[in-house]
Amino acid sequence: MKEVNVFPNMVVQMVAIGEESGSLDGMLDKAATYYEEMVDNLVDGLTSLIEPIIMSFLGVVIGGLIIAMYLPIFSMGDAIGGSGH
């Protein structure tokens, strides 16, 4: 595992300790739990960043649709009613 340089140093050390103590499965489980929590935290942070962007995008799209629907109605009202004087 050291020669490949794919695994983090912490995992290599935990595997070495697990091999020496005879509890390799426990050490691998602890490493997996640690990295799983890291991924969960990163995903939660990314979700909290993306959510406001999606909400503002939807607000702009829906606002644009509402303006696009009502603008012709107001234009017709001006054409029918004249200038209003």
N, C-alpha and C. Protein backbone atom coordinates (compact mmCIF):
# COMPACT_ATOMS: atom_id res chain seq x y z
N MET A 1 0.82 -1.20 0.00
CA MET A 1 0.00 0.00 0.00
C MET A 1 0.87 1.26 0.00
N LYS A 2 2.02 1.19 0.65
CA LYS A 2 2.91 2.36 0.67
C LYS A 2 3.48 2.66 -0.71
N GLU A 3 3.81 1.61 -1.45
CA GLU A 3 4.47 1.79 -2.75
C GLU A 3 3.54 2.35 -3.81
N VAL A 4 2.25 2.06 -3.70
CA VAL A 4 1.30 2.48 -4.72
C VAL A 4 1.01 3.97 -4.63
N ASN A 5 1.05 4.54 -3.42
CA ASN A 5 0.75 5.96 -3.17
C ASN A 5 -0.67 6.35 -3.59
N VAL A 6 -1.59 5.43 -3.41
CA VAL A 6 -3.00 5.71 -3.69
C VAL A 6 -3.73 6.02 -2.39
N PHE A 7 -3.39 5.30 -1.34
CA PHE A 7 -4.09 5.43 -0.07
C PHE A 7 -3.44 6.52 0.78
N PRO A 8 -4.26 7.23 1.56
CA PRO A 8 -3.69 8.25 2.46
C PRO A 8 -2.79 7.60 3.51
N ASN A 9 -1.88 8.39 4.04
CA ASN A 9 -0.91 7.89 5.01
C ASN A 9 -1.61 7.35 6.26
N MET A 10 -2.70 7.99 6.66
CA MET A 10 -3.42 7.54 7.85
C MET A 10 -3.94 6.11 7.68
N VAL A 11 -4.46 5.80 6.49
CA VAL A 11 -5.00 4.46 6.23
C VAL A 11 -3.88 3.43 6.26
N VAL A 12 -2.74 3.77 5.68
CA VAL A 12 -1.61 2.85 5.66
C VAL A 12 -1.15 2.56 7.10
N GLN A 13 -1.09 3.62 7.92
CA GLN A 13 -0.69 3.42 9.32
C GLN A 13 -1.72 2.61 10.08
N MET A 14 -3.00 2.85 9.83
CA MET A 14 -4.04 2.10 10.54
C MET A 14 -4.01 0.63 10.13
N VAL A 15 -3.74 0.34 8.86
CA VAL A 15 -3.64 -1.04 8.41
C VAL A 15 -2.44 -1.72 9.07
N ALA A 16 -1.32 -0.98 9.16
CA ALA A 16 -0.14 -1.55 9.81
C ALA A 16 -0.41 -1.87 11.28
N ILE A 17 -1.09 -0.96 11.96
CA ILE A 17 -1.43 -1.19 13.37
C ILE A 17 -2.41 -2.35 13.49
N GLY A 18 -3.37 -2.41 12.57
CA GLY A 18 -4.33 -3.51 12.61
C GLY A 18 -3.68 -4.86 12.34
N GLU A 19 -2.69 -4.89 11.45
CA GLU A 19 -1.98 -6.14 11.19
C GLU A 19 -1.18 -6.57 12.42
N GLU A 20 -0.53 -5.61 13.08
CA GLU A 20 0.28 -5.94 14.26
C GLU A 20 -0.59 -6.40 15.42
N SER A 21 -1.72 -5.76 15.61
CA SER A 21 -2.56 -6.11 16.75
C SER A 21 -3.52 -7.25 16.45
N GLY A 22 -3.68 -7.61 15.19
CA GLY A 22 -4.58 -8.71 14.84
C GLY A 22 -6.03 -8.27 14.67
N SER A 23 -6.26 -6.98 14.62
CA SER A 23 -7.64 -6.49 14.45
C SER A 23 -7.72 -5.63 13.19
N LEU A 24 -7.35 -6.22 12.08
CA LEU A 24 -7.33 -5.49 10.81
C LEU A 24 -8.73 -5.05 10.40
N ASP A 25 -9.72 -5.93 10.61
CA ASP A 25 -11.09 -5.58 10.22
C ASP A 25 -11.61 -4.39 11.01
N GLY A 26 -11.27 -4.31 12.28
CA GLY A 26 -11.69 -3.17 13.09
C GLY A 26 -11.06 -1.87 12.64
N MET A 27 -9.79 -1.93 12.30
CA MET A 27 -9.10 -0.72 11.84
C MET A 27 -9.63 -0.27 10.49
N LEU A 28 -9.87 -1.20 9.60
CA LEU A 28 -10.44 -0.83 8.30
C LEU A 28 -11.84 -0.26 8.46
N ASP A 29 -12.59 -0.79 9.41
CA ASP A 29 -13.93 -0.26 9.69
C ASP A 29 -13.85 1.16 10.22
N LYS A 30 -12.89 1.43 11.10
CA LYS A 30 -12.72 2.78 11.63
C LYS A 30 -12.31 3.75 10.52
N ALA A 31 -11.42 3.32 9.64
CA ALA A 31 -10.99 4.18 8.53
C ALA A 31 -12.17 4.46 7.60
N ALA A 32 -12.96 3.43 7.32
CA ALA A 32 -14.12 3.61 6.44
C ALA A 32 -15.13 4.56 7.08
N THR A 33 -15.35 4.43 8.38
CA THR A 33 -16.28 5.31 9.07
C THR A 33 -15.80 6.76 9.02
N TYR A 34 -14.49 6.96 9.22
CA TYR A 34 -13.92 8.30 9.19
C TYR A 34 -14.13 8.95 7.82
N TYR A 35 -13.78 8.22 6.77
CA TYR A 35 -13.89 8.81 5.43
C TYR A 35 -15.35 8.95 4.99
N GLU A 36 -16.21 8.07 5.48
CA GLU A 36 -17.64 8.21 5.18
C GLU A 36 -18.21 9.48 5.82
N GLU A 37 -17.79 9.77 7.05
CA GLU A 37 -18.23 11.00 7.70
C GLU A 37 -17.69 12.23 6.97
N MET A 38 -16.44 12.15 6.48
CA MET A 38 -15.87 13.27 5.73
C MET A 38 -16.69 13.54 4.46
N VAL A 39 -17.04 12.48 3.75
CA VAL A 39 -17.83 12.63 2.52
C VAL A 39 -19.20 13.19 2.84
N ASP A 40 -19.83 12.69 3.91
CA ASP A 40 -21.14 13.21 4.30
C ASP A 40 -21.08 14.69 4.63
N ASN A 41 -20.04 15.11 5.33
CA ASN A 41 -19.89 16.53 5.67
C ASN A 41 -19.68 17.38 4.43
N LEU A 42 -18.88 16.88 3.48
CA LEU A 42 -18.67 17.63 2.25
C LEU A 42 -19.95 17.74 1.43
N VAL A 43 -20.72 16.66 1.38
CA VAL A 43 -21.98 16.68 0.63
C VAL A 43 -22.97 17.63 1.29
N ASP A 44 -23.03 17.63 2.62
CA ASP A 44 -23.92 18.56 3.32
C ASP A 44 -23.52 20.01 3.05
N GLY A 45 -22.22 20.28 3.06
CA GLY A 45 -21.76 21.63 2.77
C GLY A 45 -22.08 22.05 1.36
N LEU A 46 -21.91 21.14 0.42
CA LEU A 46 -22.20 21.43 -0.98
C LEU A 46 -23.69 21.66 -1.17
N THR A 47 -24.51 20.86 -0.50
CA THR A 47 -25.95 21.03 -0.59
C THR A 47 -26.39 22.38 -0.04
N SER A 48 -25.79 22.79 1.08
CA SER A 48 -26.16 24.08 1.66
C SER A 48 -25.71 25.24 0.78
N LEU A 49 -24.70 25.04 -0.06
CA LEU A 49 -24.28 26.08 -0.99
C LEU A 49 -25.16 26.11 -2.24
N ILE A 50 -25.57 24.95 -2.71
CA ILE A 50 -26.33 24.87 -3.96
C ILE A 50 -27.78 25.29 -3.75
N GLU A 51 -28.34 25.02 -2.59
CA GLU A 51 -29.76 25.28 -2.35
C GLU A 51 -30.15 26.74 -2.59
N PRO A 52 -29.45 27.74 -2.06
CA PRO A 52 -29.84 29.13 -2.34
C PRO A 52 -29.72 29.49 -3.82
N ILE A 53 -28.73 28.91 -4.49
CA ILE A 53 -28.56 29.20 -5.92
C ILE A 53 -29.77 28.67 -6.70
N ILE A 54 -30.22 27.48 -6.37
CA ILE A 54 -31.38 26.89 -7.05
C ILE A 54 -32.63 27.72 -6.76
N MET A 55 -32.79 28.14 -5.51
CA MET A 55 -33.98 28.92 -5.14
C MET A 55 -34.00 30.26 -5.88
N SER A 56 -32.87 30.93 -5.98
CA SER A 56 -32.85 32.21 -6.69
C SER A 56 -33.07 32.01 -8.19
N PHE A 57 -32.52 30.94 -8.76
CA PHE A 57 -32.75 30.64 -10.17
C PHE A 57 -34.23 30.39 -10.43
N LEU A 58 -34.87 29.61 -9.57
CA LEU A 58 -36.31 29.35 -9.74
C LEU A 58 -37.11 30.64 -9.57
N GLY A 59 -36.70 31.51 -8.65
CA GLY A 59 -37.39 32.79 -8.48
C GLY A 59 -37.30 33.65 -9.73
N VAL A 60 -36.12 33.69 -10.35
CA VAL A 60 -35.96 34.47 -11.57
C VAL A 60 -36.79 33.88 -12.70
N VAL A 61 -36.79 32.57 -12.83
CA VAL A 61 -37.56 31.92 -13.91
C VAL A 61 -39.05 32.15 -13.72
N ILE A 62 -39.54 31.93 -12.52
CA ILE A 62 -40.99 32.11 -12.26
C ILE A 62 -41.37 33.58 -12.38
N GLY A 63 -40.52 34.48 -11.87
CA GLY A 63 -40.79 35.91 -12.03
C GLY A 63 -40.82 36.31 -13.50
N GLY A 64 -39.90 35.78 -14.28
CA GLY A 64 -39.91 36.06 -15.72
C GLY A 64 -41.16 35.55 -16.40
N LEU A 65 -41.62 34.39 -16.01
CA LEU A 65 -42.86 33.85 -16.59
C LEU A 65 -44.07 34.72 -16.22
N ILE A 66 -44.12 35.16 -14.98
CA ILE A 66 -45.24 36.01 -14.56
C ILE A 66 -45.22 37.33 -15.32
N ILE A 67 -44.05 37.93 -15.45
CA ILE A 67 -43.94 39.19 -16.20
C ILE A 67 -44.32 38.96 -17.66
N ALA A 68 -43.87 37.84 -18.23
CA ALA A 68 -44.18 37.55 -19.63
C ALA A 68 -45.68 37.33 -19.84
N MET A 69 -46.38 36.84 -18.82
CA MET A 69 -47.83 36.63 -18.95
C MET A 69 -48.60 37.93 -18.78
N TYR A 70 -48.21 38.77 -17.83
CA TYR A 70 -49.00 39.96 -17.53
C TYR A 70 -48.64 41.18 -18.39
N LEU A 71 -47.45 41.24 -18.95
CA LEU A 71 -47.06 42.39 -19.77
C LEU A 71 -47.97 42.57 -20.99
N PRO A 72 -48.32 41.52 -21.73
CA PRO A 72 -49.26 41.71 -22.85
C PRO A 72 -50.64 42.17 -22.39
N ILE A 73 -51.08 41.74 -21.22
CA ILE A 73 -52.39 42.16 -20.71
C ILE A 73 -52.38 43.66 -20.43
N PHE A 74 -51.30 44.14 -19.80
CA PHE A 74 -51.21 45.57 -19.53
C PHE A 74 -51.07 46.36 -20.83
N SER A 75 -50.35 45.82 -21.80
CA SER A 75 -50.22 46.50 -23.08
C SER A 75 -51.56 46.61 -23.79
N MET A 76 -52.38 45.57 -23.71
CA MET A 76 -53.72 45.63 -24.31
C MET A 76 -54.59 46.64 -23.59
N GLY A 77 -54.44 46.72 -22.28
CA GLY A 77 -55.21 47.70 -21.52
C GLY A 77 -54.85 49.11 -21.91
N ASP A 78 -53.59 49.38 -22.15
CA ASP A 78 -53.16 50.69 -22.59
C ASP A 78 -53.68 50.99 -23.99
N ALA A 79 -53.66 49.99 -24.87
CA ALA A 79 -54.12 50.21 -26.26
C ALA A 79 -55.62 50.44 -26.30
N ILE A 80 -56.37 49.73 -25.49
CA ILE A 80 -57.83 49.88 -25.48
C ILE A 80 -58.24 51.16 -24.77
N GLY A 81 -57.65 51.42 -23.63
CA GLY A 81 -58.03 52.57 -22.83
C GLY A 81 -57.44 53.87 -23.30
N GLY A 82 -56.48 53.83 -24.16
CA GLY A 82 -55.83 55.06 -24.61
C GLY A 82 -54.77 55.47 -23.61
N SER A 83 -54.49 56.76 -23.61
CA SER A 83 -53.44 57.26 -22.73
C SER A 83 -53.97 57.48 -21.30
N GLY A 84 -55.27 57.46 -21.11
CA GLY A 84 -55.84 57.64 -19.78
C GLY A 84 -56.13 59.07 -19.43
N HIS A 85 -56.02 60.03 -20.34
CA HIS A 85 -56.28 61.45 -20.05
C HIS A 85 -57.63 61.85 -20.52
